[in-house]
C-alpha atoms as a PDB file:
ATOM      1  CA  MET A   1     -71.653  -2.381  31.713  1.00  0.00           C
ATOM      2  CA  LYS A   2     -72.657  -0.060  28.998  1.00  0.00           C
ATOM      3  CA  ASP A   3     -71.094   2.438  31.922  1.00  0.00           C
ATOM      4  CA  GLN A   4     -68.176   0.155  32.223  1.00  0.00           C
ATOM      5  CA  LEU A   5     -67.197  -0.129  28.518  1.00  0.00           C
ATOM      6  CA  LEU A   6     -67.296   3.753  28.552  1.00  0.00           C
ATOM      7  CA  LYS A   7     -65.132   3.753  31.270  1.00  0.00           C
ATOM      8  CA  LEU A   8     -62.515   1.519  30.047  1.00  0.00           C
ATOM      9  CA  THR A   9     -62.827   3.248  26.673  1.00  0.00           C
ATOM     10  CA  GLN A  10     -61.631   6.787  28.189  1.00  0.00           C
ATOM     11  CA  GLU A  11     -59.180   5.684  30.022  1.00  0.00           C
ATOM     12  CA  ALA A  12     -57.452   3.610  26.931  1.00  0.00           C
ATOM     13  CA  LEU A  13     -57.034   6.969  25.273  1.00  0.00           C
ATOM     14  CA  ALA A  14     -55.783   8.733  28.164  1.00  0.00           C
ATOM     15  CA  LYS A  15     -53.105   6.478  28.441  1.00  0.00           C
ATOM     16  CA  ILE A  16     -52.285   6.300  24.859  1.00  0.00           C
ATOM     17  CA  ALA A  17     -52.665  10.594  24.537  1.00  0.00           C
ATOM     18  CA  SER A  18     -49.989  10.181  27.723  1.00  0.00           C
ATOM     19  CA  SER A  19     -47.683   8.069  26.370  1.00  0.00           C
ATOM     20  CA  LYS A  20     -44.064   9.581  25.234  1.00  0.00           C
ATOM     21  CA  THR A  21     -42.541   6.977  23.423  1.00  0.00           C
ATOM     22  CA  LEU A  22     -43.471   4.348  21.033  1.00  0.00           C
ATOM     23  CA  ASP A  23     -42.877   1.326  24.130  1.00  0.00           C
ATOM     24  CA  GLU A  24     -45.309   3.470  25.952  1.00  0.00           C
ATOM     25  CA  ILE A  25     -47.425   3.328  23.632  1.00  0.00           C
ATOM     26  CA  ASN A  26     -47.043  -0.579  22.598  1.00  0.00           C
ATOM     27  CA  GLU A  27     -47.763  -1.616  26.474  1.00  0.00           C
ATOM     28  CA  ALA A  28     -50.983   0.105  25.745  1.00  0.00           C
ATOM     29  CA  ARG A  29     -51.749  -1.871  23.068  1.00  0.00           C
ATOM     30  CA  VAL A  30     -51.272  -4.658  24.940  1.00  0.00           C
ATOM     31  CA  GLU A  31     -52.833  -3.708  28.000  1.00  0.00           C
ATOM     32  CA  PHE A  32     -56.167  -3.060  26.272  1.00  0.00           C
ATOM     33  CA  LEU A  33     -56.400  -4.502  22.823  1.00  0.00           C
ATOM     34  CA  GLY A  34     -54.019  -7.962  23.650  1.00  0.00           C
ATOM     35  CA  LYS A  35     -55.014 -11.314  23.909  1.00  0.00           C
ATOM     36  CA  LYS A  36     -55.192 -10.975  27.449  1.00  0.00           C
ATOM     37  CA  GLY A  37     -56.341  -7.615  27.743  1.00  0.00           C
ATOM     38  CA  GLN A  38     -59.008  -5.492  29.379  1.00  0.00           C
ATOM     39  CA  PHE A  39     -61.457  -5.273  26.470  1.00  0.00           C
ATOM     40  CA  THR A  40     -61.036  -9.543  26.073  1.00  0.00           C
ATOM     41  CA  THR A  41     -61.930  -9.480  30.029  1.00  0.00           C
ATOM     42  CA  ILE A  42     -64.919  -7.527  29.482  1.00  0.00           C
ATOM     43  CA  MET A  43     -65.883  -9.497  26.030  1.00  0.00           C
ATOM     44  CA  LYS A  44     -66.291 -12.202  28.507  1.00  0.00           C
ATOM     45  CA  GLU A  45     -68.927 -11.064  30.464  1.00  0.00           C
ATOM     46  CA  MET A  46     -71.366 -11.027  27.744  1.00  0.00           C
ATOM     47  CA  LYS A  47     -72.424 -14.002  28.901  1.00  0.00           C
ATOM     48  CA  ASN A  48     -74.097 -13.074  31.563  1.00  0.00           C
ATOM     49  CA  LEU A  49     -76.080 -10.315  29.330  1.00  0.00           C
ATOM     50  CA  SER A  50     -79.455 -12.040  27.589  1.00  0.00           C
ATOM     51  CA  ALA A  51     -79.823 -12.573  24.074  1.00  0.00           C
ATOM     52  CA  GLU A  52     -81.167  -9.610  22.841  1.00  0.00           C
ATOM     53  CA  GLU A  53     -78.071  -7.541  24.234  1.00  0.00           C
ATOM     54  CA  ARG A  54     -75.618  -9.614  23.337  1.00  0.00           C
ATOM     55  CA  PRO A  55     -75.522  -8.296  19.600  1.00  0.00           C
ATOM     56  CA  VAL A  56     -75.643  -4.487  20.624  1.00  0.00           C
ATOM     57  CA  PHE A  57     -73.069  -4.764  23.340  1.00  0.00           C
ATOM     58  CA  GLY A  58     -70.771  -6.819  21.104  1.00  0.00           C
ATOM     59  CA  GLN A  59     -71.147  -3.850  18.240  1.00  0.00           C
ATOM     60  CA  LEU A  60     -70.110  -1.375  21.426  1.00  0.00           C
ATOM     61  CA  VAL A  61     -67.215  -3.330  21.964  1.00  0.00           C
ATOM     62  CA  ASN A  62     -66.114  -3.592  18.217  1.00  0.00           C
ATOM     63  CA  GLU A  63     -66.452   0.199  18.584  1.00  0.00           C
ATOM     64  CA  ALA A  64     -64.632   0.967  21.718  1.00  0.00           C
ATOM     65  CA  LYS A  65     -61.567  -1.176  20.098  1.00  0.00           C
ATOM     66  CA  SER A  66     -61.832   0.201  16.988  1.00  0.00           C
ATOM     67  CA  LYS A  67     -61.537   4.004  18.540  1.00  0.00           C
ATOM     68  CA  THR A  68     -58.648   2.861  20.652  1.00  0.00           C
ATOM     69  CA  GLU A  69     -56.813   1.352  17.849  1.00  0.00           C
ATOM     70  CA  GLU A  70     -57.253   4.311  15.764  1.00  0.00           C
ATOM     71  CA  ALA A  71     -55.697   6.673  18.270  1.00  0.00           C
ATOM     72  CA  ILE A  72     -52.546   3.766  18.672  1.00  0.00           C
ATOM     73  CA  GLU A  73     -51.915   4.436  15.038  1.00  0.00           C
ATOM     74  CA  LYS A  74     -52.511   8.101  15.321  1.00  0.00           C
ATOM     75  CA  ALA A  75     -50.179   8.656  18.174  1.00  0.00           C
ATOM     76  CA  LYS A  76     -47.613   6.104  16.853  1.00  0.00           C
ATOM     77  CA  THR A  77     -47.436   8.200  13.674  1.00  0.00           C
ATOM     78  CA  GLU A  78     -47.307  11.453  15.008  1.00  0.00           C
ATOM     79  CA  LEU A  79     -44.128  10.315  17.632  1.00  0.00           C
ATOM     80  CA  GLN A  80     -42.250   8.657  14.980  1.00  0.00           C
ATOM     81  CA  ASN A  81     -42.715  11.951  12.407  1.00  0.00           C
ATOM     82  CA  ALA A  82     -41.212  14.478  16.145  1.00  0.00           C
ATOM     83  CA  LEU A  83     -38.626  11.378  16.233  1.00  0.00           C
ATOM     84  CA  MET A  84     -37.360  12.131  12.572  1.00  0.00           C
ATOM     85  CA  GLU A  85     -37.937  16.037  12.686  1.00  0.00           C
ATOM     86  CA  GLN A  86     -35.728  15.921  16.137  1.00  0.00           C
ATOM     87  CA  LYS A  87     -33.484  13.784  14.157  1.00  0.00           C
ATOM     88  CA  LEU A  88     -33.377  15.932  10.870  1.00  0.00           C
ATOM     89  CA  GLN A  89     -32.619  18.734  13.512  1.00  0.00           C
ATOM     90  CA  ASP A  90     -29.674  16.741  15.146  1.00  0.00           C
ATOM     91  CA  GLU A  91     -27.691  15.591  12.111  1.00  0.00           C
ATOM     92  CA  ILE A  92     -28.538  18.770  10.009  1.00  0.00           C
ATOM     93  CA  ILE A  93     -26.027  19.279   7.442  1.00  0.00           C
ATOM     94  CA  ASP A  94     -25.183  23.270   6.545  1.00  0.00           C
ATOM     95  CA  VAL A  95     -24.522  22.434   2.297  1.00  0.00           C
ATOM     96  CA  THR A  96     -23.301  26.114   2.535  1.00  0.00           C
ATOM     97  CA  LEU A  97     -20.320  25.621   4.351  1.00  0.00           C
ATOM     98  CA  PRO A  98     -16.799  24.733   2.624  1.00  0.00           C
ATOM     99  CA  ALA A  99     -15.726  20.808   2.410  1.00  0.00           C
ATOM    100  CA  LYS A 100     -12.594  19.143   4.028  1.00  0.00           C
ATOM    101  CA  LYS A 101      -9.805  18.555   1.759  1.00  0.00           C
ATOM    102  CA  LEU A 102      -8.959  15.264   0.726  1.00  0.00           C
ATOM    103  CA  ARG A 103      -5.414  14.928   1.206  1.00  0.00           C
ATOM    104  CA  THR A 104      -4.659  12.289  -2.175  1.00  0.00           C
ATOM    105  CA  GLY A 105      -1.620  10.517  -1.322  1.00  0.00           C
ATOM    106  CA  HIS A 106       0.703   9.235  -4.296  1.00  0.00           C
ATOM    107  CA  GLY A 107       4.204   7.291  -4.319  1.00  0.00           C
ATOM    108  CA  HIS A 108       7.796   7.596  -2.631  1.00  0.00           C
ATOM    109  CA  PRO A 109       9.794   9.537  -4.732  1.00  0.00           C
ATOM    110  CA  CYS A 110      12.356   6.466  -4.564  1.00  0.00           C
ATOM    111  CA  GLN A 111       8.992   4.165  -5.351  1.00  0.00           C
ATOM    112  CA  ILE A 112       8.563   6.665  -8.313  1.00  0.00           C
ATOM    113  CA  ALA A 113      11.776   6.570  -9.583  1.00  0.00           C
ATOM    114  CA  LEU A 114      11.972   2.184  -8.957  1.00  0.00           C
ATOM    115  CA  ASP A 115       8.526   2.271 -11.122  1.00  0.00           C
ATOM    116  CA  GLU A 116      10.871   4.269 -13.537  1.00  0.00           C
ATOM    117  CA  VAL A 117      13.540   1.960 -13.936  1.00  0.00           C
ATOM    118  CA  GLU A 118      11.308  -1.274 -13.822  1.00  0.00           C
ATOM    119  CA  ARG A 119       9.220   0.629 -16.645  1.00  0.00           C
ATOM    120  CA  VAL A 120      12.588   0.969 -18.910  1.00  0.00           C
ATOM    121  CA  PHE A 121      14.135  -2.386 -17.933  1.00  0.00           C
ATOM    122  CA  ILE A 122      11.035  -4.569 -18.573  1.00  0.00           C
ATOM    123  CA  GLY A 123      10.295  -2.293 -22.278  1.00  0.00           C
ATOM    124  CA  MET A 124      13.968  -4.037 -23.001  1.00  0.00           C
ATOM    125  CA  GLY A 125      12.870  -7.471 -22.073  1.00  0.00           C
ATOM    126  CA  TYR A 126      14.176  -7.681 -18.780  1.00  0.00           C
ATOM    127  CA  GLU A 127      12.843  -9.903 -15.716  1.00  0.00           C
ATOM    128  CA  VAL A 128      11.723  -8.367 -12.298  1.00  0.00           C
ATOM    129  CA  ILE A 129      13.228 -10.966 -10.104  1.00  0.00           C
ATOM    130  CA  GLU A 130      13.537 -10.553  -6.298  1.00  0.00           C
ATOM    131  CA  GLY A 131      15.191 -12.380  -3.390  1.00  0.00           C
ATOM    132  CA  PRO A 132      15.329 -12.406   0.152  1.00  0.00           C
ATOM    133  CA  GLU A 133      17.346  -9.805   2.587  1.00  0.00           C
ATOM    134  CA  VAL A 134      18.521 -12.783   4.765  1.00  0.00           C
ATOM    135  CA  GLU A 135      20.993 -14.531   2.832  1.00  0.00           C
ATOM    136  CA  TRP A 136      24.050 -17.308   3.042  1.00  0.00           C
ATOM    137  CA  GLN A 137      27.592 -16.043   2.515  1.00  0.00           C
ATOM    138  CA  GLU A 138      27.776 -18.014   0.177  1.00  0.00           C
ATOM    139  CA  TYR A 139      25.629 -16.301  -2.343  1.00  0.00           C
ATOM    140  CA  ASN A 140      26.569 -13.012  -0.655  1.00  0.00           C
ATOM    141  CA  PHE A 141      30.022 -13.345  -1.663  1.00  0.00           C
ATOM    142  CA  THR A 142      31.582 -16.676  -2.515  1.00  0.00           C
ATOM    143  CA  LYS A 143      29.424 -17.010  -5.714  1.00  0.00           C
ATOM    144  CA  LEU A 144      30.680 -13.698  -6.675  1.00  0.00           C
ATOM    145  CA  ASN A 145      34.062 -14.001  -6.546  1.00  0.00           C
ATOM    146  CA  ILE A 146      34.813 -12.974  -3.335  1.00  0.00           C
ATOM    147  CA  PRO A 147      36.232 -15.179  -1.419  1.00  0.00           C
ATOM    148  CA  GLU A 148      37.682 -15.836   2.550  1.00  0.00           C
ATOM    149  CA  GLY A 149      39.665 -12.935   3.299  1.00  0.00           C
ATOM    150  CA  HIS A 150      38.536 -10.584   1.148  1.00  0.00           C
ATOM    151  CA  PRO A 151      37.799  -6.855   2.618  1.00  0.00           C
ATOM    152  CA  ALA A 152      34.098  -6.780   1.844  1.00  0.00           C
ATOM    153  CA  ARG A 153      34.037 -10.126   3.958  1.00  0.00           C
ATOM    154  CA  ASP A 154      35.059  -7.284   6.783  1.00  0.00           C
ATOM    155  CA  GLU A 155      33.091  -7.276   9.864  1.00  0.00           C
ATOM    156  CA  GLN A 156      32.586  -4.283  10.090  1.00  0.00           C
ATOM    157  CA  ASP A 157      31.079  -3.197   6.385  1.00  0.00           C
ATOM    158  CA  THR A 158      28.704  -6.203   6.892  1.00  0.00           C
ATOM    159  CA  PHE A 159      26.249  -7.006   9.577  1.00  0.00           C
ATOM    160  CA  TYR A 160      26.144 -10.947  10.040  1.00  0.00           C
ATOM    161  CA  ILE A 161      23.902 -13.072  12.192  1.00  0.00           C
ATOM    162  CA  THR A 162      25.608 -16.110  12.123  1.00  0.00           C
ATOM    163  CA  ASP A 163      29.103 -17.309  10.764  1.00  0.00           C
ATOM    164  CA  GLN A 164      27.653 -18.532   7.565  1.00  0.00           C
ATOM    165  CA  ILE A 165      24.400 -15.457   7.386  1.00  0.00           C
ATOM    166  CA  LEU A 166      24.072 -12.027   7.274  1.00  0.00           C
ATOM    167  CA  LEU A 167      22.086  -9.063   5.957  1.00  0.00           C
ATOM    168  CA  ARG A 168      22.768  -8.890   1.961  1.00  0.00           C
ATOM    169  CA  SER A 169      25.046  -5.720   1.246  1.00  0.00           C
ATOM    170  CA  GLN A 170      23.532  -6.313  -2.393  1.00  0.00           C
ATOM    171  CA  THR A 171      21.004  -7.703  -4.311  1.00  0.00           C
ATOM    172  CA  SER A 172      23.908  -9.767  -6.791  1.00  0.00           C
ATOM    173  CA  PRO A 173      22.818 -12.652  -4.483  1.00  0.00           C
ATOM    174  CA  THR A 174      19.849 -12.991  -6.375  1.00  0.00           C
ATOM    175  CA  GLN A 175      21.663 -12.904  -9.868  1.00  0.00           C
ATOM    176  CA  ALA A 176      23.811 -16.134  -8.541  1.00  0.00           C
ATOM    177  CA  ARG A 177      20.538 -17.911  -7.669  1.00  0.00           C
ATOM    178  CA  VAL A 178      18.979 -17.382 -11.185  1.00  0.00           C
ATOM    179  CA  MET A 179      22.086 -18.474 -12.745  1.00  0.00           C
ATOM    180  CA  GLU A 180      22.238 -21.646 -10.499  1.00  0.00           C
ATOM    181  CA  GLU A 181      18.341 -22.217 -12.073  1.00  0.00           C
ATOM    182  CA  GLY A 182      20.329 -23.100 -15.373  1.00  0.00           C
ATOM    183  CA  LYS A 183      17.427 -21.314 -17.512  1.00  0.00           C
ATOM    184  CA  LEU A 184      19.037 -19.550 -20.426  1.00  0.00           C
ATOM    185  CA  PRO A 185      19.696 -17.286 -21.478  1.00  0.00           C
ATOM    186  CA  ILE A 186      18.583 -14.691 -18.687  1.00  0.00           C
ATOM    187  CA  ARG A 187      18.020 -10.748 -18.883  1.00  0.00           C
ATOM    188  CA  MET A 188      16.807 -10.108 -15.179  1.00  0.00           C
ATOM    189  CA  ILE A 189      16.948  -6.631 -12.852  1.00  0.00           C
ATOM    190  CA  SER A 190      16.768  -7.542  -9.191  1.00  0.00           C
ATOM    191  CA  PRO A 191      15.731  -4.517  -6.807  1.00  0.00           C
ATOM    192  CA  GLY A 192      15.634  -4.281  -3.176  1.00  0.00           C
ATOM    193  CA  ARG A 193      16.418  -3.286   0.057  1.00  0.00           C
ATOM    194  CA  VAL A 194      20.989  -3.966   0.810  1.00  0.00           C
ATOM    195  CA  PHE A 195      22.437  -3.752   4.362  1.00  0.00           C
ATOM    196  CA  ARG A 196      26.050  -2.152   5.311  1.00  0.00           C
ATOM    197  CA  SER A 197      28.204  -0.868   8.744  1.00  0.00           C
ATOM    198  CA  ASP A 198      28.605   2.508   7.236  1.00  0.00           C
ATOM    199  CA  SER A 199      27.755   5.777   8.955  1.00  0.00           C
ATOM    200  CA  ILE A 200      24.268   8.193   8.370  1.00  0.00           C
ATOM    201  CA  ASP A 201      25.289  11.227   6.579  1.00  0.00           C
ATOM    202  CA  ALA A 202      24.193  13.214   3.678  1.00  0.00           C
ATOM    203  CA  THR A 203      25.034  10.175   0.996  1.00  0.00           C
ATOM    204  CA  HIS A 204      25.387   6.850   3.383  1.00  0.00           C
ATOM    205  CA  SER A 205      22.760   4.699   4.976  1.00  0.00           C
ATOM    206  CA  PRO A 206      23.179   1.151   6.707  1.00  0.00           C
ATOM    207  CA  SER A 207      19.994   0.435   4.916  1.00  0.00           C
ATOM    208  CA  PHE A 208      19.136   1.377   1.648  1.00  0.00           C
ATOM    209  CA  ASN A 209      17.672   0.421  -1.862  1.00  0.00           C
ATOM    210  CA  GLN A 210      20.061  -1.021  -5.137  1.00  0.00           C
ATOM    211  CA  ILE A 211      18.842  -2.430  -8.657  1.00  0.00           C
ATOM    212  CA  GLU A 212      21.649  -4.770 -10.084  1.00  0.00           C
ATOM    213  CA  GLY A 213      20.995  -5.941 -13.576  1.00  0.00           C
ATOM    214  CA  LEU A 214      21.990  -9.217 -15.322  1.00  0.00           C
ATOM    215  CA  VAL A 215      22.356 -10.551 -18.918  1.00  0.00           C
ATOM    216  CA  VAL A 216      23.637 -13.981 -19.462  1.00  0.00           C
ATOM    217  CA  ASP A 217      23.380 -15.758 -23.512  1.00  0.00           C
ATOM    218  CA  LYS A 218      25.602 -16.714 -25.849  1.00  0.00           C
ATOM    219  CA  HIS A 219      27.847 -13.754 -27.912  1.00  0.00           C
ATOM    220  CA  ILE A 220      26.851 -11.296 -25.186  1.00  0.00           C
ATOM    221  CA  THR A 221      29.575  -8.552 -25.484  1.00  0.00           C
ATOM    222  CA  MET A 222      30.511  -4.870 -24.413  1.00  0.00           C
ATOM    223  CA  THR A 223      28.990  -3.384 -26.726  1.00  0.00           C
ATOM    224  CA  ASP A 224      25.453  -4.823 -25.699  1.00  0.00           C
ATOM    225  CA  LEU A 225      26.648  -3.568 -21.665  1.00  0.00           C
ATOM    226  CA  LYS A 226      27.456  -0.378 -22.679  1.00  0.00           C
ATOM    227  CA  GLY A 227      24.411  -0.231 -25.591  1.00  0.00           C
ATOM    228  CA  THR A 228      22.128  -1.141 -22.579  1.00  0.00           C
ATOM    229  CA  LEU A 229      23.497   1.365 -20.364  1.00  0.00           C
ATOM    230  CA  THR A 230      23.448   4.279 -22.569  1.00  0.00           C
ATOM    231  CA  GLN A 231      19.715   3.940 -23.344  1.00  0.00           C
ATOM    232  CA  PHE A 232      19.088   3.223 -20.246  1.00  0.00           C
ATOM    233  CA  ALA A 233      21.074   6.498 -19.195  1.00  0.00           C
ATOM    234  CA  LYS A 234      18.224   8.353 -22.317  1.00  0.00           C
ATOM    235  CA  GLU A 235      15.448   6.701 -20.910  1.00  0.00           C
ATOM    236  CA  MET A 236      15.829   8.137 -17.603  1.00  0.00           C
ATOM    237  CA  PHE A 237      17.669  11.527 -17.474  1.00  0.00           C
ATOM    238  CA  GLY A 238      16.757  12.967 -21.573  1.00  0.00           C
ATOM    239  CA  GLU A 239      17.301  11.922 -24.829  1.00  0.00           C
ATOM    240  CA  ASP A 240      20.318  14.351 -25.229  1.00  0.00           C
ATOM    241  CA  THR A 241      22.363  12.604 -22.071  1.00  0.00           C
ATOM    242  CA  VAL A 242      25.693  10.960 -22.897  1.00  0.00           C
ATOM    243  CA  THR A 243      27.542   7.891 -20.871  1.00  0.00           C
ATOM    244  CA  ARG A 244      30.995   7.664 -20.367  1.00  0.00           C
ATOM    245  CA  PHE A 245      32.997   4.132 -18.870  1.00  0.00           C
ATOM    246  CA  ARG A 246      35.669   4.815 -16.569  1.00  0.00           C
ATOM    247  CA  PRO A 247      37.963   1.160 -16.029  1.00  0.00           C
ATOM    248  CA  HIS A 248      37.461   0.027 -12.183  1.00  0.00           C
ATOM    249  CA  HIS A 249      37.366  -3.069 -10.250  1.00  0.00           C
ATOM    250  CA  PHE A 250      34.987  -5.408  -9.072  1.00  0.00           C
ATOM    251  CA  PRO A 251      35.499  -8.901  -7.958  1.00  0.00           C
ATOM    252  CA  PHE A 252      32.837 -10.868  -9.835  1.00  0.00           C
ATOM    253  CA  THR A 253      33.372  -8.549 -13.143  1.00  0.00           C
ATOM    254  CA  GLU A 254      36.265  -8.370 -15.856  1.00  0.00           C
ATOM    255  CA  PRO A 255      36.518  -6.102 -17.709  1.00  0.00           C
ATOM    256  CA  SER A 256      34.561  -3.340 -14.906  1.00  0.00           C
ATOM    257  CA  ALA A 257      33.771  -0.114 -15.486  1.00  0.00           C
ATOM    258  CA  GLU A 258      32.308   3.371 -14.128  1.00  0.00           C
ATOM    259  CA  VAL A 259      28.890   4.762 -15.703  1.00  0.00           C
ATOM    260  CA  ASP A 260      28.963   8.562 -16.218  1.00  0.00           C
ATOM    261  CA  VAL A 261      26.545  10.658 -17.349  1.00  0.00           C
ATOM    262  CA  SER A 262      26.874  14.004 -18.931  1.00  0.00           C
ATOM    263  CA  CYS A 263      25.247  16.154 -16.356  1.00  0.00           C
ATOM    264  CA  PHE A 264      21.597  16.833 -17.339  1.00  0.00           C
ATOM    265  CA  LYS A 265      21.181  19.909 -15.490  1.00  0.00           C
ATOM    266  CA  CYS A 266      24.533  21.859 -17.557  1.00  0.00           C
ATOM    267  CA  GLY A 267      24.590  19.482 -21.180  1.00  0.00           C
ATOM    268  CA  GLY A 268      28.296  18.644 -19.739  1.00  0.00           C
ATOM    269  CA  LYS A 269      29.726  22.257 -19.793  1.00  0.00           C
ATOM    270  CA  GLY A 270      29.682  22.591 -15.934  1.00  0.00           C
ATOM    271  CA  CYS A 271      27.727  24.013 -12.837  1.00  0.00           C
ATOM    272  CA  ARG A 272      26.930  23.522  -8.873  1.00  0.00           C
ATOM    273  CA  PHE A 273      25.103  20.257  -9.485  1.00  0.00           C
ATOM    274  CA  CYS A 274      27.826  18.224 -10.732  1.00  0.00           C
ATOM    275  CA  LYS A 275      30.640  20.140  -9.475  1.00  0.00           C
ATOM    276  CA  ASN A 276      31.854  21.932 -12.731  1.00  0.00           C
ATOM    277  CA  GLU A 277      32.704  18.910 -13.536  1.00  0.00           C
ATOM    278  CA  GLY A 278      30.272  17.994 -16.291  1.00  0.00           C
ATOM    279  CA  TRP A 279      29.483  14.600 -15.390  1.00  0.00           C
ATOM    280  CA  ILE A 280      27.898  12.687 -12.827  1.00  0.00           C
ATOM    281  CA  GLU A 281      28.586   9.209 -11.772  1.00  0.00           C
ATOM    282  CA  ILE A 282      25.358   6.807 -11.581  1.00  0.00           C
ATOM    283  CA  LEU A 283      26.242   3.715 -11.507  1.00  0.00           C
ATOM    284  CA  GLY A 284      28.739   0.467 -11.890  1.00  0.00           C
ATOM    285  CA  CYS A 285      29.333  -2.584 -14.602  1.00  0.00           C
ATOM    286  CA  GLY A 286      31.085  -5.011 -16.171  1.00  0.00           C
ATOM    287  CA  MET A 287      30.907  -8.327 -17.826  1.00  0.00           C
ATOM    288  CA  VAL A 288      30.491 -11.592 -15.646  1.00  0.00           C
ATOM    289  CA  HIS A 289      33.380 -13.185 -14.188  1.00  0.00           C
ATOM    290  CA  PRO A 290      34.401 -16.385 -15.899  1.00  0.00           C
ATOM    291  CA  HIS A 291      34.848 -18.143 -12.527  1.00  0.00           C
ATOM    292  CA  VAL A 292      30.956 -16.312 -11.551  1.00  0.00           C
ATOM    293  CA  LEU A 293      29.497 -18.294 -14.108  1.00  0.00           C
ATOM    294  CA  GLU A 294      31.598 -21.340 -13.615  1.00  0.00           C
ATOM    295  CA  MET A 295      30.448 -21.412  -9.808  1.00  0.00           C
ATOM    296  CA  CYS A 296      26.865 -21.205 -10.616  1.00  0.00           C
ATOM    297  CA  GLY A 297      26.957 -23.890 -13.059  1.00  0.00           C
ATOM    298  CA  ILE A 298      27.220 -22.499 -16.804  1.00  0.00           C
ATOM    299  CA  ASP A 299      30.026 -23.074 -18.982  1.00  0.00           C
ATOM    300  CA  PRO A 300      32.294 -19.693 -19.961  1.00  0.00           C
ATOM    301  CA  ASN A 301      33.258 -21.292 -22.843  1.00  0.00           C
ATOM    302  CA  GLU A 302      29.755 -21.334 -23.951  1.00  0.00           C
ATOM    303  CA  TYR A 303      28.044 -17.984 -22.460  1.00  0.00           C
ATOM    304  CA  THR A 304      28.987 -14.342 -21.733  1.00  0.00           C
ATOM    305  CA  GLY A 305      27.201 -11.975 -19.941  1.00  0.00           C
ATOM    306  CA  PHE A 306      27.226  -8.482 -18.248  1.00  0.00           C
ATOM    307  CA  ALA A 307      25.682  -7.093 -14.911  1.00  0.00           C
ATOM    308  CA  PHE A 308      25.737  -3.506 -13.320  1.00  0.00           C
ATOM    309  CA  GLY A 309      24.159  -2.175 -10.076  1.00  0.00           C
ATOM    310  CA  VAL A 310      23.042   1.301  -9.272  1.00  0.00           C
ATOM    311  CA  GLY A 311      21.849   2.595  -6.123  1.00  0.00           C
ATOM    312  CA  LEU A 312      17.877   3.512  -5.972  1.00  0.00           C
ATOM    313  CA  GLU A 313      18.698   6.241  -3.755  1.00  0.00           C
ATOM    314  CA  ARG A 314      20.656   8.149  -5.550  1.00  0.00           C
ATOM    315  CA  ILE A 315      19.307   7.519  -8.852  1.00  0.00           C
ATOM    316  CA  ALA A 316      16.194   9.977  -7.144  1.00  0.00           C
ATOM    317  CA  ILE A 317      18.673  12.384  -5.376  1.00  0.00           C
ATOM    318  CA  LEU A 318      20.043  12.547  -9.135  1.00  0.00           C
ATOM    319  CA  LYS A 319      16.564  12.867 -10.641  1.00  0.00           C
ATOM    320  CA  TYR A 320      14.630  15.213  -8.485  1.00  0.00           C
ATOM    321  CA  GLU A 321      18.112  17.324  -7.434  1.00  0.00           C
ATOM    322  CA  ILE A 322      18.044  16.029  -3.543  1.00  0.00           C
ATOM    323  CA  ASP A 323      20.889  16.883  -1.258  1.00  0.00           C
ATOM    324  CA  ASP A 324      20.416  15.424   0.991  1.00  0.00           C
ATOM    325  CA  MET A 325      19.648  11.343   1.134  1.00  0.00           C
ATOM    326  CA  ARG A 326      18.205  11.474   4.671  1.00  0.00           C
ATOM    327  CA  LEU A 327      15.120  13.727   3.446  1.00  0.00           C
ATOM    328  CA  LEU A 328      13.802  10.250   1.935  1.00  0.00           C
ATOM    329  CA  TYR A 329      13.738   8.770   4.774  1.00  0.00           C
ATOM    330  CA  GLU A 330      12.158  10.924   7.422  1.00  0.00           C
ATOM    331  CA  ASN A 331       8.951  11.168   6.193  1.00  0.00           C
ATOM    332  CA  ASP A 332       8.607  14.972   6.218  1.00  0.00           C
ATOM    333  CA  ILE A 333       5.197  15.341   4.908  1.00  0.00           C
ATOM    334  CA  ARG A 334       6.466  18.693   3.783  1.00  0.00           C
ATOM    335  CA  PHE A 335       8.934  16.958   2.181  1.00  0.00           C
ATOM    336  CA  LEU A 336       7.545  14.404   0.599  1.00  0.00           C
ATOM    337  CA  LYS A 337       4.296  16.033  -0.753  1.00  0.00           C
ATOM    338  CA  GLN A 338       6.196  17.750  -3.302  1.00  0.00           C
ATOM    339  CA  PHE A 339       6.239  14.816  -5.212  1.00  0.00           C
END
């Protein structure tokens, strides 16, 4: 039996030495050292030995098993080290290579301009309130003193979904909704996307962004409107900016005005940027029409207010001296990365 044990030990060591993977080493462990392995089988033959021979043979079997276990652990360690070395070679990083340049994103010029406008008006105590882009014609027109038959309701200018539902052509419907709630006083701006049936060119688009403001309180006058917009212009275009108010007509305000600012490139002297006029038109405004207040449930004898509206793209174009509005929508990275 000693010769049988010696042969079995040599066979186990040979198989372990020839194992090329961890799975093969594990198979060798099970075959020779498992509960039903060959060393367990040979131990069962001890019953055929004399009482004097059994302890001696048991010791030899244990030594053989220990030698086999040591061989398995050694082979396993060597194979694991070899696999790790190969992995390190395969995944080596050359730290002398230049790093890949990280491209950091930033705000779109329109979003940068909007953030700036919101900062200015929030600083003056205004709330920023958004409304739905799909709107009832009652809020988009009727409650803004634009009755049936008014040119602004022309289907050539407005995207109608049904007779009563349309894509809003201005953000003023949000103002009407807030006035209807009756929580006075009101100081708000309502930014958002609006839609008009315009042809696309350097200054027009069927979809663009507006920011409209509204203040309703007791004793609000045109002086408050002029002071607010003058401060807004100075914050946006520079402390030396001068504002000019020209009479105009809007259905929802009376009196109404267009607002110009002195050219911040030439200081009002006249240049290419302001077409040699010294002034640049930026927005429309006026005192809220008493009929608009009435339709929204506010007593015009007790409350007054003012409203204004400015195109966000126009602010961005002026602020960053962009000569074609289409550049803001084309998503050309060469253009956008300048901001």
